Amino acid sequence: MGQAESKVDEWKAKTRSYPKHVQVRTSAWNGGDDMVLLRRFLYLGTESVYSSTFVYPDQKYADLINRLIYEGRGKEVVQLLATINYSGSAPRHNYIIFALAVCARSDDISTKKLAYDNLCQICRIPTHFFMFVDFCQFESEKSQSRSKGWGRAHRRAVLKWYEEKCKNPEGLARLLTTYNLCTVEGHGNRWSHKDIFRLGHLSSDDDLMKVVKTFVLFGFKKAQSQVSEETKKNERVSEFLTYIGSTIKAKICFDEDELVGLIKRHGLGKQRVSKALMTSKNVWEAILKTMQPEAEIDICMLSAKGLCGEDSEIEKEIIEKITNADFFHRARVHPIRVLSVLLTYEKGEKRIGRKSNPRKKRKWNVNKNIVKALNEAYEFSFRDVQPTGKHVLLAVDVSENMRVSCKGCPTIMCNQAAASMMMMTARTEPNCKIFGFSEGFTQIRIDEDDTFSQTVEKMESLPSGKADCAIPMLWAKQHKEKIDVFIVYTDNIPTNGQTNPSKALEEYRRTMNQPETKLILVAMAPNPDTTADPSRQVVIDSKKATTHDDREINIVGFDAHAATLIAKFIQDEL
């Protein structure tokens, strides 16, 4: 308690001379350095809890960034954003863009400039770009000046974003037509390119930018009529207009051969295809052949249209793509993502449309060759999972409550997701122990050649009952097992009448002299009463100050991103 008190005093002394608009830290956090806390936020969205659904950033994280900037660490902040963005390791881009917007709205000139200099690299697609503009506007409205945020520096940076895209005219045309209108997660504001051009009063001397502006504000015909004889000689302008014209033609095309030609020539995706020809095998063969390797194939939709028959060309194209080991290696596709597709496809039906109409379903005949290919893809997706080398104890709730859908990945049941993580851990971690807990605490032996269904069967063979998430730590303490990381998978984290998992961990650390042992609690199907945050209340001079243990995190819901974060946390990258 004395250490926590001195920590609070240290932070208060450090921030006493801050100006009014820079908020001081009001709670203690065992991570100490604000930069560590920022890194946590960029990955998790909070200090210690990752949610599979987006949580709008709390004001305290904007205050955190402003405090770092005021301390002269603005450059360090932007460099961290650029590094995490480049690695592609953060589950959500939202938090990186939020932090970039706070830096761009900063009063520190060097930080502001560096933030805008990194705009094009961090916000590569319009969805991210619109989000940045929205965050900037929100931050400006909170300021004392109540500015709308469209100052000279902001307009210049926004114009530069479009000018950078103009270097690839066809790519720009694809972005303008694919991401014409986006709803920003969190605020729910809708943004379009037209909004940006109108609010920013964007203008340029570049011929292509002039055409782009006219197209965005007034449409294709007006842009075409604007082009002079001299401008027509500009290859970039010609390439831009040709692509736009082709997308318009493809949308209303009734000639199959003509549409196939347009798809092959310009790499048009399914959103560009005429609805009248959406069931054409030739059209879909062309789309699949021109599709980028990283693009997701909607196998269920194609099967529902009757296009994935055995020995068909489309079946061969799909199997070739989903069994491409090189692609899986480059893209680092997580087993959970593959499992989600596999389980959905095997069902032969999928609910579509609004949740209010559960009867509306898409159905298809399951192709055994595609199922085999997906199982093959699932198996070799484990190859790129890197071992941590830590002593891991993985405990899985085997109660009946685990037979519900995961929040964040509804196509997978909680017990199925847990089984997949057991398989992955058993195959990659040489020093792991796997247990099932409910009425008891029983070791589950997973062999390397165990299939997914065999792993689920081993879980379901154990007796079901009331689960206690503290059992793994209590058992390890009793049996004097040295563990680096406890990972607990359950549907929800019950607390009434049970030992708090954080308290059990603290007792284990003290008894075993293992102060660095970590705990990861995963509540796969949380409800509104879930106690997901492992934070504890510490009394300091009759006042309560929340402390966060930087060696504990919680996952609320579950998805492939959560699985990746677990590995990063174990490897001390969070």
Foldseek 3Di string as FASTA:
>chain_A
DVVLVVLVVVQCVVCVPPDPVQDGDDFAAVVNDLVLQLLCCQAAVHRFERELDDDPRDVVSLSSLLVCVVVVCLVVLLVVLLVCLVVVQRPDLLSSLLSLLSQCLHPDPVSVVSSLVCLCVSCVAVLSVVSNLVSNQVVCCPDPVNDSRQDPSNLVSVLVNLVVCLVQLLSSLCRCVVPQWDQRPPVRDIDGVLNSCVVNVDDDPDLQVVLVNCCSNPNLVRSVVVQDPVNCVPVSNVSNSVNNVLLVCQQPDPDPVVNLVSCQVSVDAPVSHHPNCNLPLSNVLSNLVSDDLPDDDPPLVCQLSVNCDPPHSVVVSLLCSLLPLVSCLVVLDALQVLVLSLLVLVVQKDADDDPVCRVHMRGGDRDVVVSVSSQNSSLSSLVNDAEQQFQEEEEEELAPLQQAAFVSRRSDGNLLVSLSVVLSCLQHYPRYWYWYFAPHTGTQDDDNPDGSVNSSVSSNVDDHHHGAQQVVLVVCLVVVPDGQEYEYRDQAHDDVPGDQNLVSNVVSCVSNVPVNRAYEYENRNYDPPGPFASWDWDADPNDTHIYHHSRYHYYRHDDSSVVSVVSCSSNVVD
